[in-house]
Amino acid sequence: AGALPVSAAGNWAVTYLDPMPERFA
């Protein structure tokens, strides 16, 4: 339990971005 990262136990997520600006100032 201590050595396994959360992801290895099946607990993970992904962040998806909506369409972004072409350029950031």
PDBML (XML) file of the C-alpha atoms, coordinates in Angstrom:
<?xml version="1.0" encoding="UTF-8" ?>
<PDBx:datablock datablockName="MODEL"
   xmlns:PDBx="http://pdbml.pdb.org/schema/pdbx-v50.xsd"
   xmlns:xsi="http://www.w3.org/2001/XMLSchema-instance"
   xsi:schemaLocation="http://pdbml.pdb.org/schema/pdbx-v50.xsd pdbx-v50.xsd">
   <PDBx:atom_siteCategory>
      <PDBx:atom_site id="1">
         <PDBx:B_iso_or_equiv>0.00</PDBx:B_iso_or_equiv>
         <PDBx:Cartn_x>0.000</PDBx:Cartn_x>
         <PDBx:Cartn_y>0.000</PDBx:Cartn_y>
         <PDBx:Cartn_z>0.000</PDBx:Cartn_z>
         <PDBx:auth_asym_id>A</PDBx:auth_asym_id>
         <PDBx:auth_atom_id>CA</PDBx:auth_atom_id>
         <PDBx:auth_comp_id>ALA</PDBx:auth_comp_id>
         <PDBx:auth_seq_id>1</PDBx:auth_seq_id>
         <PDBx:group_PDB>ATOM</PDBx:group_PDB>
         <PDBx:label_alt_id xsi:nil="true" />
         <PDBx:label_asym_id>A</PDBx:label_asym_id>
         <PDBx:label_atom_id>CA</PDBx:label_atom_id>
         <PDBx:label_comp_id>ALA</PDBx:label_comp_id>
         <PDBx:label_entity_id>1</PDBx:label_entity_id>
         <PDBx:label_seq_id>1</PDBx:label_seq_id>
         <PDBx:occupancy>1.00</PDBx:occupancy>
         <PDBx:pdbx_PDB_model_num>1</PDBx:pdbx_PDB_model_num>
         <PDBx:type_symbol>C</PDBx:type_symbol>
      </PDBx:atom_site>
      <PDBx:atom_site id="2">
         <PDBx:B_iso_or_equiv>0.00</PDBx:B_iso_or_equiv>
         <PDBx:Cartn_x>2.794</PDBx:Cartn_x>
         <PDBx:Cartn_y>2.407</PDBx:Cartn_y>
         <PDBx:Cartn_z>0.838</PDBx:Cartn_z>
         <PDBx:auth_asym_id>A</PDBx:auth_asym_id>
         <PDBx:auth_atom_id>CA</PDBx:auth_atom_id>
         <PDBx:auth_comp_id>GLY</PDBx:auth_comp_id>
         <PDBx:auth_seq_id>2</PDBx:auth_seq_id>
         <PDBx:group_PDB>ATOM</PDBx:group_PDB>
         <PDBx:label_alt_id xsi:nil="true" />
         <PDBx:label_asym_id>A</PDBx:label_asym_id>
         <PDBx:label_atom_id>CA</PDBx:label_atom_id>
         <PDBx:label_comp_id>GLY</PDBx:label_comp_id>
         <PDBx:label_entity_id>1</PDBx:label_entity_id>
         <PDBx:label_seq_id>2</PDBx:label_seq_id>
         <PDBx:occupancy>1.00</PDBx:occupancy>
         <PDBx:pdbx_PDB_model_num>1</PDBx:pdbx_PDB_model_num>
         <PDBx:type_symbol>C</PDBx:type_symbol>
      </PDBx:atom_site>
      <PDBx:atom_site id="3">
         <PDBx:B_iso_or_equiv>0.00</PDBx:B_iso_or_equiv>
         <PDBx:Cartn_x>4.944</PDBx:Cartn_x>
         <PDBx:Cartn_y>1.750</PDBx:Cartn_y>
         <PDBx:Cartn_z>-2.196</PDBx:Cartn_z>
         <PDBx:auth_asym_id>A</PDBx:auth_asym_id>
         <PDBx:auth_atom_id>CA</PDBx:auth_atom_id>
         <PDBx:auth_comp_id>ALA</PDBx:auth_comp_id>
         <PDBx:auth_seq_id>3</PDBx:auth_seq_id>
         <PDBx:group_PDB>ATOM</PDBx:group_PDB>
         <PDBx:label_alt_id xsi:nil="true" />
         <PDBx:label_asym_id>A</PDBx:label_asym_id>
         <PDBx:label_atom_id>CA</PDBx:label_atom_id>
         <PDBx:label_comp_id>ALA</PDBx:label_comp_id>
         <PDBx:label_entity_id>1</PDBx:label_entity_id>
         <PDBx:label_seq_id>3</PDBx:label_seq_id>
         <PDBx:occupancy>1.00</PDBx:occupancy>
         <PDBx:pdbx_PDB_model_num>1</PDBx:pdbx_PDB_model_num>
         <PDBx:type_symbol>C</PDBx:type_symbol>
      </PDBx:atom_site>
      <PDBx:atom_site id="4">
         <PDBx:B_iso_or_equiv>0.00</PDBx:B_iso_or_equiv>
         <PDBx:Cartn_x>2.302</PDBx:Cartn_x>
         <PDBx:Cartn_y>1.643</PDBx:Cartn_y>
         <PDBx:Cartn_z>-4.896</PDBx:Cartn_z>
         <PDBx:auth_asym_id>A</PDBx:auth_asym_id>
         <PDBx:auth_atom_id>CA</PDBx:auth_atom_id>
         <PDBx:auth_comp_id>LEU</PDBx:auth_comp_id>
         <PDBx:auth_seq_id>4</PDBx:auth_seq_id>
         <PDBx:group_PDB>ATOM</PDBx:group_PDB>
         <PDBx:label_alt_id xsi:nil="true" />
         <PDBx:label_asym_id>A</PDBx:label_asym_id>
         <PDBx:label_atom_id>CA</PDBx:label_atom_id>
         <PDBx:label_comp_id>LEU</PDBx:label_comp_id>
         <PDBx:label_entity_id>1</PDBx:label_entity_id>
         <PDBx:label_seq_id>4</PDBx:label_seq_id>
         <PDBx:occupancy>1.00</PDBx:occupancy>
         <PDBx:pdbx_PDB_model_num>1</PDBx:pdbx_PDB_model_num>
         <PDBx:type_symbol>C</PDBx:type_symbol>
      </PDBx:atom_site>
      <PDBx:atom_site id="5">
         <PDBx:B_iso_or_equiv>0.00</PDBx:B_iso_or_equiv>
         <PDBx:Cartn_x>1.338</PDBx:Cartn_x>
         <PDBx:Cartn_y>5.023</PDBx:Cartn_y>
         <PDBx:Cartn_z>-6.308</PDBx:Cartn_z>
         <PDBx:auth_asym_id>A</PDBx:auth_asym_id>
         <PDBx:auth_atom_id>CA</PDBx:auth_atom_id>
         <PDBx:auth_comp_id>PRO</PDBx:auth_comp_id>
         <PDBx:auth_seq_id>5</PDBx:auth_seq_id>
         <PDBx:group_PDB>ATOM</PDBx:group_PDB>
         <PDBx:label_alt_id xsi:nil="true" />
         <PDBx:label_asym_id>A</PDBx:label_asym_id>
         <PDBx:label_atom_id>CA</PDBx:label_atom_id>
         <PDBx:label_comp_id>PRO</PDBx:label_comp_id>
         <PDBx:label_entity_id>1</PDBx:label_entity_id>
         <PDBx:label_seq_id>5</PDBx:label_seq_id>
         <PDBx:occupancy>1.00</PDBx:occupancy>
         <PDBx:pdbx_PDB_model_num>1</PDBx:pdbx_PDB_model_num>
         <PDBx:type_symbol>C</PDBx:type_symbol>
      </PDBx:atom_site>
      <PDBx:atom_site id="6">
         <PDBx:B_iso_or_equiv>0.00</PDBx:B_iso_or_equiv>
         <PDBx:Cartn_x>-2.320</PDBx:Cartn_x>
         <PDBx:Cartn_y>5.860</PDBx:Cartn_y>
         <PDBx:Cartn_z>-6.433</PDBx:Cartn_z>
         <PDBx:auth_asym_id>A</PDBx:auth_asym_id>
         <PDBx:auth_atom_id>CA</PDBx:auth_atom_id>
         <PDBx:auth_comp_id>VAL</PDBx:auth_comp_id>
         <PDBx:auth_seq_id>6</PDBx:auth_seq_id>
         <PDBx:group_PDB>ATOM</PDBx:group_PDB>
         <PDBx:label_alt_id xsi:nil="true" />
         <PDBx:label_asym_id>A</PDBx:label_asym_id>
         <PDBx:label_atom_id>CA</PDBx:label_atom_id>
         <PDBx:label_comp_id>VAL</PDBx:label_comp_id>
         <PDBx:label_entity_id>1</PDBx:label_entity_id>
         <PDBx:label_seq_id>6</PDBx:label_seq_id>
         <PDBx:occupancy>1.00</PDBx:occupancy>
         <PDBx:pdbx_PDB_model_num>1</PDBx:pdbx_PDB_model_num>
         <PDBx:type_symbol>C</PDBx:type_symbol>
      </PDBx:atom_site>
      <PDBx:atom_site id="7">
         <PDBx:B_iso_or_equiv>0.00</PDBx:B_iso_or_equiv>
         <PDBx:Cartn_x>-2.381</PDBx:Cartn_x>
         <PDBx:Cartn_y>5.261</PDBx:Cartn_y>
         <PDBx:Cartn_z>-10.139</PDBx:Cartn_z>
         <PDBx:auth_asym_id>A</PDBx:auth_asym_id>
         <PDBx:auth_atom_id>CA</PDBx:auth_atom_id>
         <PDBx:auth_comp_id>SER</PDBx:auth_comp_id>
         <PDBx:auth_seq_id>7</PDBx:auth_seq_id>
         <PDBx:group_PDB>ATOM</PDBx:group_PDB>
         <PDBx:label_alt_id xsi:nil="true" />
         <PDBx:label_asym_id>A</PDBx:label_asym_id>
         <PDBx:label_atom_id>CA</PDBx:label_atom_id>
         <PDBx:label_comp_id>SER</PDBx:label_comp_id>
         <PDBx:label_entity_id>1</PDBx:label_entity_id>
         <PDBx:label_seq_id>7</PDBx:label_seq_id>
         <PDBx:occupancy>1.00</PDBx:occupancy>
         <PDBx:pdbx_PDB_model_num>1</PDBx:pdbx_PDB_model_num>
         <PDBx:type_symbol>C</PDBx:type_symbol>
      </PDBx:atom_site>
      <PDBx:atom_site id="8">
         <PDBx:B_iso_or_equiv>0.00</PDBx:B_iso_or_equiv>
         <PDBx:Cartn_x>-1.198</PDBx:Cartn_x>
         <PDBx:Cartn_y>1.699</PDBx:Cartn_y>
         <PDBx:Cartn_z>-9.787</PDBx:Cartn_z>
         <PDBx:auth_asym_id>A</PDBx:auth_asym_id>
         <PDBx:auth_atom_id>CA</PDBx:auth_atom_id>
         <PDBx:auth_comp_id>ALA</PDBx:auth_comp_id>
         <PDBx:auth_seq_id>8</PDBx:auth_seq_id>
         <PDBx:group_PDB>ATOM</PDBx:group_PDB>
         <PDBx:label_alt_id xsi:nil="true" />
         <PDBx:label_asym_id>A</PDBx:label_asym_id>
         <PDBx:label_atom_id>CA</PDBx:label_atom_id>
         <PDBx:label_comp_id>ALA</PDBx:label_comp_id>
         <PDBx:label_entity_id>1</PDBx:label_entity_id>
         <PDBx:label_seq_id>8</PDBx:label_seq_id>
         <PDBx:occupancy>1.00</PDBx:occupancy>
         <PDBx:pdbx_PDB_model_num>1</PDBx:pdbx_PDB_model_num>
         <PDBx:type_symbol>C</PDBx:type_symbol>
      </PDBx:atom_site>
      <PDBx:atom_site id="9">
         <PDBx:B_iso_or_equiv>0.00</PDBx:B_iso_or_equiv>
         <PDBx:Cartn_x>-4.159</PDBx:Cartn_x>
         <PDBx:Cartn_y>0.945</PDBx:Cartn_y>
         <PDBx:Cartn_z>-7.543</PDBx:Cartn_z>
         <PDBx:auth_asym_id>A</PDBx:auth_asym_id>
         <PDBx:auth_atom_id>CA</PDBx:auth_atom_id>
         <PDBx:auth_comp_id>ALA</PDBx:auth_comp_id>
         <PDBx:auth_seq_id>9</PDBx:auth_seq_id>
         <PDBx:group_PDB>ATOM</PDBx:group_PDB>
         <PDBx:label_alt_id xsi:nil="true" />
         <PDBx:label_asym_id>A</PDBx:label_asym_id>
         <PDBx:label_atom_id>CA</PDBx:label_atom_id>
         <PDBx:label_comp_id>ALA</PDBx:label_comp_id>
         <PDBx:label_entity_id>1</PDBx:label_entity_id>
         <PDBx:label_seq_id>9</PDBx:label_seq_id>
         <PDBx:occupancy>1.00</PDBx:occupancy>
         <PDBx:pdbx_PDB_model_num>1</PDBx:pdbx_PDB_model_num>
         <PDBx:type_symbol>C</PDBx:type_symbol>
      </PDBx:atom_site>
      <PDBx:atom_site id="10">
         <PDBx:B_iso_or_equiv>0.00</PDBx:B_iso_or_equiv>
         <PDBx:Cartn_x>-6.577</PDBx:Cartn_x>
         <PDBx:Cartn_y>2.021</PDBx:Cartn_y>
         <PDBx:Cartn_z>-10.266</PDBx:Cartn_z>
         <PDBx:auth_asym_id>A</PDBx:auth_asym_id>
         <PDBx:auth_atom_id>CA</PDBx:auth_atom_id>
         <PDBx:auth_comp_id>GLY</PDBx:auth_comp_id>
         <PDBx:auth_seq_id>10</PDBx:auth_seq_id>
         <PDBx:group_PDB>ATOM</PDBx:group_PDB>
         <PDBx:label_alt_id xsi:nil="true" />
         <PDBx:label_asym_id>A</PDBx:label_asym_id>
         <PDBx:label_atom_id>CA</PDBx:label_atom_id>
         <PDBx:label_comp_id>GLY</PDBx:label_comp_id>
         <PDBx:label_entity_id>1</PDBx:label_entity_id>
         <PDBx:label_seq_id>10</PDBx:label_seq_id>
         <PDBx:occupancy>1.00</PDBx:occupancy>
         <PDBx:pdbx_PDB_model_num>1</PDBx:pdbx_PDB_model_num>
         <PDBx:type_symbol>C</PDBx:type_symbol>
      </PDBx:atom_site>
      <PDBx:atom_site id="11">
         <PDBx:B_iso_or_equiv>0.00</PDBx:B_iso_or_equiv>
         <PDBx:Cartn_x>-7.087</PDBx:Cartn_x>
         <PDBx:Cartn_y>5.567</PDBx:Cartn_y>
         <PDBx:Cartn_z>-8.989</PDBx:Cartn_z>
         <PDBx:auth_asym_id>A</PDBx:auth_asym_id>
         <PDBx:auth_atom_id>CA</PDBx:auth_atom_id>
         <PDBx:auth_comp_id>ASN</PDBx:auth_comp_id>
         <PDBx:auth_seq_id>11</PDBx:auth_seq_id>
         <PDBx:group_PDB>ATOM</PDBx:group_PDB>
         <PDBx:label_alt_id xsi:nil="true" />
         <PDBx:label_asym_id>A</PDBx:label_asym_id>
         <PDBx:label_atom_id>CA</PDBx:label_atom_id>
         <PDBx:label_comp_id>ASN</PDBx:label_comp_id>
         <PDBx:label_entity_id>1</PDBx:label_entity_id>
         <PDBx:label_seq_id>11</PDBx:label_seq_id>
         <PDBx:occupancy>1.00</PDBx:occupancy>
         <PDBx:pdbx_PDB_model_num>1</PDBx:pdbx_PDB_model_num>
         <PDBx:type_symbol>C</PDBx:type_symbol>
      </PDBx:atom_site>
      <PDBx:atom_site id="12">
         <PDBx:B_iso_or_equiv>0.00</PDBx:B_iso_or_equiv>
         <PDBx:Cartn_x>-6.128</PDBx:Cartn_x>
         <PDBx:Cartn_y>8.062</PDBx:Cartn_y>
         <PDBx:Cartn_z>-11.643</PDBx:Cartn_z>
         <PDBx:auth_asym_id>A</PDBx:auth_asym_id>
         <PDBx:auth_atom_id>CA</PDBx:auth_atom_id>
         <PDBx:auth_comp_id>TRP</PDBx:auth_comp_id>
         <PDBx:auth_seq_id>12</PDBx:auth_seq_id>
         <PDBx:group_PDB>ATOM</PDBx:group_PDB>
         <PDBx:label_alt_id xsi:nil="true" />
         <PDBx:label_asym_id>A</PDBx:label_asym_id>
         <PDBx:label_atom_id>CA</PDBx:label_atom_id>
         <PDBx:label_comp_id>TRP</PDBx:label_comp_id>
         <PDBx:label_entity_id>1</PDBx:label_entity_id>
         <PDBx:label_seq_id>12</PDBx:label_seq_id>
         <PDBx:occupancy>1.00</PDBx:occupancy>
         <PDBx:pdbx_PDB_model_num>1</PDBx:pdbx_PDB_model_num>
         <PDBx:type_symbol>C</PDBx:type_symbol>
      </PDBx:atom_site>
      <PDBx:atom_site id="13">
         <PDBx:B_iso_or_equiv>0.00</PDBx:B_iso_or_equiv>
         <PDBx:Cartn_x>-7.668</PDBx:Cartn_x>
         <PDBx:Cartn_y>10.759</PDBx:Cartn_y>
         <PDBx:Cartn_z>-13.763</PDBx:Cartn_z>
         <PDBx:auth_asym_id>A</PDBx:auth_asym_id>
         <PDBx:auth_atom_id>CA</PDBx:auth_atom_id>
         <PDBx:auth_comp_id>ALA</PDBx:auth_comp_id>
         <PDBx:auth_seq_id>13</PDBx:auth_seq_id>
         <PDBx:group_PDB>ATOM</PDBx:group_PDB>
         <PDBx:label_alt_id xsi:nil="true" />
         <PDBx:label_asym_id>A</PDBx:label_asym_id>
         <PDBx:label_atom_id>CA</PDBx:label_atom_id>
         <PDBx:label_comp_id>ALA</PDBx:label_comp_id>
         <PDBx:label_entity_id>1</PDBx:label_entity_id>
         <PDBx:label_seq_id>13</PDBx:label_seq_id>
         <PDBx:occupancy>1.00</PDBx:occupancy>
         <PDBx:pdbx_PDB_model_num>1</PDBx:pdbx_PDB_model_num>
         <PDBx:type_symbol>C</PDBx:type_symbol>
      </PDBx:atom_site>
      <PDBx:atom_site id="14">
         <PDBx:B_iso_or_equiv>0.00</PDBx:B_iso_or_equiv>
         <PDBx:Cartn_x>-6.934</PDBx:Cartn_x>
         <PDBx:Cartn_y>12.671</PDBx:Cartn_y>
         <PDBx:Cartn_z>-16.929</PDBx:Cartn_z>
         <PDBx:auth_asym_id>A</PDBx:auth_asym_id>
         <PDBx:auth_atom_id>CA</PDBx:auth_atom_id>
         <PDBx:auth_comp_id>VAL</PDBx:auth_comp_id>
         <PDBx:auth_seq_id>14</PDBx:auth_seq_id>
         <PDBx:group_PDB>ATOM</PDBx:group_PDB>
         <PDBx:label_alt_id xsi:nil="true" />
         <PDBx:label_asym_id>A</PDBx:label_asym_id>
         <PDBx:label_atom_id>CA</PDBx:label_atom_id>
         <PDBx:label_comp_id>VAL</PDBx:label_comp_id>
         <PDBx:label_entity_id>1</PDBx:label_entity_id>
         <PDBx:label_seq_id>14</PDBx:label_seq_id>
         <PDBx:occupancy>1.00</PDBx:occupancy>
         <PDBx:pdbx_PDB_model_num>1</PDBx:pdbx_PDB_model_num>
         <PDBx:type_symbol>C</PDBx:type_symbol>
      </PDBx:atom_site>
      <PDBx:atom_site id="15">
         <PDBx:B_iso_or_equiv>0.00</PDBx:B_iso_or_equiv>
         <PDBx:Cartn_x>-7.374</PDBx:Cartn_x>
         <PDBx:Cartn_y>16.415</PDBx:Cartn_y>
         <PDBx:Cartn_z>-17.457</PDBx:Cartn_z>
         <PDBx:auth_asym_id>A</PDBx:auth_asym_id>
         <PDBx:auth_atom_id>CA</PDBx:auth_atom_id>
         <PDBx:auth_comp_id>THR</PDBx:auth_comp_id>
         <PDBx:auth_seq_id>15</PDBx:auth_seq_id>
         <PDBx:group_PDB>ATOM</PDBx:group_PDB>
         <PDBx:label_alt_id xsi:nil="true" />
         <PDBx:label_asym_id>A</PDBx:label_asym_id>
         <PDBx:label_atom_id>CA</PDBx:label_atom_id>
         <PDBx:label_comp_id>THR</PDBx:label_comp_id>
         <PDBx:label_entity_id>1</PDBx:label_entity_id>
         <PDBx:label_seq_id>15</PDBx:label_seq_id>
         <PDBx:occupancy>1.00</PDBx:occupancy>
         <PDBx:pdbx_PDB_model_num>1</PDBx:pdbx_PDB_model_num>
         <PDBx:type_symbol>C</PDBx:type_symbol>
      </PDBx:atom_site>
      <PDBx:atom_site id="16">
         <PDBx:B_iso_or_equiv>0.00</PDBx:B_iso_or_equiv>
         <PDBx:Cartn_x>-8.680</PDBx:Cartn_x>
         <PDBx:Cartn_y>17.315</PDBx:Cartn_y>
         <PDBx:Cartn_z>-20.913</PDBx:Cartn_z>
         <PDBx:auth_asym_id>A</PDBx:auth_asym_id>
         <PDBx:auth_atom_id>CA</PDBx:auth_atom_id>
         <PDBx:auth_comp_id>TYR</PDBx:auth_comp_id>
         <PDBx:auth_seq_id>16</PDBx:auth_seq_id>
         <PDBx:group_PDB>ATOM</PDBx:group_PDB>
         <PDBx:label_alt_id xsi:nil="true" />
         <PDBx:label_asym_id>A</PDBx:label_asym_id>
         <PDBx:label_atom_id>CA</PDBx:label_atom_id>
         <PDBx:label_comp_id>TYR</PDBx:label_comp_id>
         <PDBx:label_entity_id>1</PDBx:label_entity_id>
         <PDBx:label_seq_id>16</PDBx:label_seq_id>
         <PDBx:occupancy>1.00</PDBx:occupancy>
         <PDBx:pdbx_PDB_model_num>1</PDBx:pdbx_PDB_model_num>
         <PDBx:type_symbol>C</PDBx:type_symbol>
      </PDBx:atom_site>
      <PDBx:atom_site id="17">
         <PDBx:B_iso_or_equiv>0.00</PDBx:B_iso_or_equiv>
         <PDBx:Cartn_x>-8.609</PDBx:Cartn_x>
         <PDBx:Cartn_y>20.930</PDBx:Cartn_y>
         <PDBx:Cartn_z>-22.067</PDBx:Cartn_z>
         <PDBx:auth_asym_id>A</PDBx:auth_asym_id>
         <PDBx:auth_atom_id>CA</PDBx:auth_atom_id>
         <PDBx:auth_comp_id>LEU</PDBx:auth_comp_id>
         <PDBx:auth_seq_id>17</PDBx:auth_seq_id>
         <PDBx:group_PDB>ATOM</PDBx:group_PDB>
         <PDBx:label_alt_id xsi:nil="true" />
         <PDBx:label_asym_id>A</PDBx:label_asym_id>
         <PDBx:label_atom_id>CA</PDBx:label_atom_id>
         <PDBx:label_comp_id>LEU</PDBx:label_comp_id>
         <PDBx:label_entity_id>1</PDBx:label_entity_id>
         <PDBx:label_seq_id>17</PDBx:label_seq_id>
         <PDBx:occupancy>1.00</PDBx:occupancy>
         <PDBx:pdbx_PDB_model_num>1</PDBx:pdbx_PDB_model_num>
         <PDBx:type_symbol>C</PDBx:type_symbol>
      </PDBx:atom_site>
      <PDBx:atom_site id="18">
         <PDBx:B_iso_or_equiv>0.00</PDBx:B_iso_or_equiv>
         <PDBx:Cartn_x>-11.313</PDBx:Cartn_x>
         <PDBx:Cartn_y>22.602</PDBx:Cartn_y>
         <PDBx:Cartn_z>-24.082</PDBx:Cartn_z>
         <PDBx:auth_asym_id>A</PDBx:auth_asym_id>
         <PDBx:auth_atom_id>CA</PDBx:auth_atom_id>
         <PDBx:auth_comp_id>ASP</PDBx:auth_comp_id>
         <PDBx:auth_seq_id>18</PDBx:auth_seq_id>
         <PDBx:group_PDB>ATOM</PDBx:group_PDB>
         <PDBx:label_alt_id xsi:nil="true" />
         <PDBx:label_asym_id>A</PDBx:label_asym_id>
         <PDBx:label_atom_id>CA</PDBx:label_atom_id>
         <PDBx:label_comp_id>ASP</PDBx:label_comp_id>
         <PDBx:label_entity_id>1</PDBx:label_entity_id>
         <PDBx:label_seq_id>18</PDBx:label_seq_id>
         <PDBx:occupancy>1.00</PDBx:occupancy>
         <PDBx:pdbx_PDB_model_num>1</PDBx:pdbx_PDB_model_num>
         <PDBx:type_symbol>C</PDBx:type_symbol>
      </PDBx:atom_site>
      <PDBx:atom_site id="19">
         <PDBx:B_iso_or_equiv>0.00</PDBx:B_iso_or_equiv>
         <PDBx:Cartn_x>-10.014</PDBx:Cartn_x>
         <PDBx:Cartn_y>24.411</PDBx:Cartn_y>
         <PDBx:Cartn_z>-27.201</PDBx:Cartn_z>
         <PDBx:auth_asym_id>A</PDBx:auth_asym_id>
         <PDBx:auth_atom_id>CA</PDBx:auth_atom_id>
         <PDBx:auth_comp_id>PRO</PDBx:auth_comp_id>
         <PDBx:auth_seq_id>19</PDBx:auth_seq_id>
         <PDBx:group_PDB>ATOM</PDBx:group_PDB>
         <PDBx:label_alt_id xsi:nil="true" />
         <PDBx:label_asym_id>A</PDBx:label_asym_id>
         <PDBx:label_atom_id>CA</PDBx:label_atom_id>
         <PDBx:label_comp_id>PRO</PDBx:label_comp_id>
         <PDBx:label_entity_id>1</PDBx:label_entity_id>
         <PDBx:label_seq_id>19</PDBx:label_seq_id>
         <PDBx:occupancy>1.00</PDBx:occupancy>
         <PDBx:pdbx_PDB_model_num>1</PDBx:pdbx_PDB_model_num>
         <PDBx:type_symbol>C</PDBx:type_symbol>
      </PDBx:atom_site>
      <PDBx:atom_site id="20">
         <PDBx:B_iso_or_equiv>0.00</PDBx:B_iso_or_equiv>
         <PDBx:Cartn_x>-7.362</PDBx:Cartn_x>
         <PDBx:Cartn_y>26.899</PDBx:Cartn_y>
         <PDBx:Cartn_z>-26.154</PDBx:Cartn_z>
         <PDBx:auth_asym_id>A</PDBx:auth_asym_id>
         <PDBx:auth_atom_id>CA</PDBx:auth_atom_id>
         <PDBx:auth_comp_id>MET</PDBx:auth_comp_id>
         <PDBx:auth_seq_id>20</PDBx:auth_seq_id>
         <PDBx:group_PDB>ATOM</PDBx:group_PDB>
         <PDBx:label_alt_id xsi:nil="true" />
         <PDBx:label_asym_id>A</PDBx:label_asym_id>
         <PDBx:label_atom_id>CA</PDBx:label_atom_id>
         <PDBx:label_comp_id>MET</PDBx:label_comp_id>
         <PDBx:label_entity_id>1</PDBx:label_entity_id>
         <PDBx:label_seq_id>20</PDBx:label_seq_id>
         <PDBx:occupancy>1.00</PDBx:occupancy>
         <PDBx:pdbx_PDB_model_num>1</PDBx:pdbx_PDB_model_num>
         <PDBx:type_symbol>C</PDBx:type_symbol>
      </PDBx:atom_site>
      <PDBx:atom_site id="21">
         <PDBx:B_iso_or_equiv>0.00</PDBx:B_iso_or_equiv>
         <PDBx:Cartn_x>-6.386</PDBx:Cartn_x>
         <PDBx:Cartn_y>30.293</PDBx:Cartn_y>
         <PDBx:Cartn_z>-27.550</PDBx:Cartn_z>
         <PDBx:auth_asym_id>A</PDBx:auth_asym_id>
         <PDBx:auth_atom_id>CA</PDBx:auth_atom_id>
         <PDBx:auth_comp_id>PRO</PDBx:auth_comp_id>
         <PDBx:auth_seq_id>21</PDBx:auth_seq_id>
         <PDBx:group_PDB>ATOM</PDBx:group_PDB>
         <PDBx:label_alt_id xsi:nil="true" />
         <PDBx:label_asym_id>A</PDBx:label_asym_id>
         <PDBx:label_atom_id>CA</PDBx:label_atom_id>
         <PDBx:label_comp_id>PRO</PDBx:label_comp_id>
         <PDBx:label_entity_id>1</PDBx:label_entity_id>
         <PDBx:label_seq_id>21</PDBx:label_seq_id>
         <PDBx:occupancy>1.00</PDBx:occupancy>
         <PDBx:pdbx_PDB_model_num>1</PDBx:pdbx_PDB_model_num>
         <PDBx:type_symbol>C</PDBx:type_symbol>
      </PDBx:atom_site>
      <PDBx:atom_site id="22">
         <PDBx:B_iso_or_equiv>0.00</PDBx:B_iso_or_equiv>
         <PDBx:Cartn_x>-3.838</PDBx:Cartn_x>
         <PDBx:Cartn_y>30.057</PDBx:Cartn_y>
         <PDBx:Cartn_z>-30.353</PDBx:Cartn_z>
         <PDBx:auth_asym_id>A</PDBx:auth_asym_id>
         <PDBx:auth_atom_id>CA</PDBx:auth_atom_id>
         <PDBx:auth_comp_id>GLU</PDBx:auth_comp_id>
         <PDBx:auth_seq_id>22</PDBx:auth_seq_id>
         <PDBx:group_PDB>ATOM</PDBx:group_PDB>
         <PDBx:label_alt_id xsi:nil="true" />
         <PDBx:label_asym_id>A</PDBx:label_asym_id>
         <PDBx:label_atom_id>CA</PDBx:label_atom_id>
         <PDBx:label_comp_id>GLU</PDBx:label_comp_id>
         <PDBx:label_entity_id>1</PDBx:label_entity_id>
         <PDBx:label_seq_id>22</PDBx:label_seq_id>
         <PDBx:occupancy>1.00</PDBx:occupancy>
         <PDBx:pdbx_PDB_model_num>1</PDBx:pdbx_PDB_model_num>
         <PDBx:type_symbol>C</PDBx:type_symbol>
      </PDBx:atom_site>
      <PDBx:atom_site id="23">
         <PDBx:B_iso_or_equiv>0.00</PDBx:B_iso_or_equiv>
         <PDBx:Cartn_x>-1.558</PDBx:Cartn_x>
         <PDBx:Cartn_y>32.480</PDBx:Cartn_y>
         <PDBx:Cartn_z>-28.527</PDBx:Cartn_z>
         <PDBx:auth_asym_id>A</PDBx:auth_asym_id>
         <PDBx:auth_atom_id>CA</PDBx:auth_atom_id>
         <PDBx:auth_comp_id>ARG</PDBx:auth_comp_id>
         <PDBx:auth_seq_id>23</PDBx:auth_seq_id>
         <PDBx:group_PDB>ATOM</PDBx:group_PDB>
         <PDBx:label_alt_id xsi:nil="true" />
         <PDBx:label_asym_id>A</PDBx:label_asym_id>
         <PDBx:label_atom_id>CA</PDBx:label_atom_id>
         <PDBx:label_comp_id>ARG</PDBx:label_comp_id>
         <PDBx:label_entity_id>1</PDBx:label_entity_id>
         <PDBx:label_seq_id>23</PDBx:label_seq_id>
         <PDBx:occupancy>1.00</PDBx:occupancy>
         <PDBx:pdbx_PDB_model_num>1</PDBx:pdbx_PDB_model_num>
         <PDBx:type_symbol>C</PDBx:type_symbol>
      </PDBx:atom_site>
      <PDBx:atom_site id="24">
         <PDBx:B_iso_or_equiv>0.00</PDBx:B_iso_or_equiv>
         <PDBx:Cartn_x>-1.075</PDBx:Cartn_x>
         <PDBx:Cartn_y>33.596</PDBx:Cartn_y>
         <PDBx:Cartn_z>-24.932</PDBx:Cartn_z>
         <PDBx:auth_asym_id>A</PDBx:auth_asym_id>
         <PDBx:auth_atom_id>CA</PDBx:auth_atom_id>
         <PDBx:auth_comp_id>PHE</PDBx:auth_comp_id>
         <PDBx:auth_seq_id>24</PDBx:auth_seq_id>
         <PDBx:group_PDB>ATOM</PDBx:group_PDB>
         <PDBx:label_alt_id xsi:nil="true" />
         <PDBx:label_asym_id>A</PDBx:label_asym_id>
         <PDBx:label_atom_id>CA</PDBx:label_atom_id>
         <PDBx:label_comp_id>PHE</PDBx:label_comp_id>
         <PDBx:label_entity_id>1</PDBx:label_entity_id>
         <PDBx:label_seq_id>24</PDBx:label_seq_id>
         <PDBx:occupancy>1.00</PDBx:occupancy>
         <PDBx:pdbx_PDB_model_num>1</PDBx:pdbx_PDB_model_num>
         <PDBx:type_symbol>C</PDBx:type_symbol>
      </PDBx:atom_site>
      <PDBx:atom_site id="25">
         <PDBx:B_iso_or_equiv>0.00</PDBx:B_iso_or_equiv>
         <PDBx:Cartn_x>0.232</PDBx:Cartn_x>
         <PDBx:Cartn_y>37.097</PDBx:Cartn_y>
         <PDBx:Cartn_z>-24.138</PDBx:Cartn_z>
         <PDBx:auth_asym_id>A</PDBx:auth_asym_id>
         <PDBx:auth_atom_id>CA</PDBx:auth_atom_id>
         <PDBx:auth_comp_id>ALA</PDBx:auth_comp_id>
         <PDBx:auth_seq_id>25</PDBx:auth_seq_id>
         <PDBx:group_PDB>ATOM</PDBx:group_PDB>
         <PDBx:label_alt_id xsi:nil="true" />
         <PDBx:label_asym_id>A</PDBx:label_asym_id>
         <PDBx:label_atom_id>CA</PDBx:label_atom_id>
         <PDBx:label_comp_id>ALA</PDBx:label_comp_id>
         <PDBx:label_entity_id>1</PDBx:label_entity_id>
         <PDBx:label_seq_id>25</PDBx:label_seq_id>
         <PDBx:occupancy>1.00</PDBx:occupancy>
         <PDBx:pdbx_PDB_model_num>1</PDBx:pdbx_PDB_model_num>
         <PDBx:type_symbol>C</PDBx:type_symbol>
      </PDBx:atom_site>
   </PDBx:atom_siteCategory>
</PDBx:datablock>
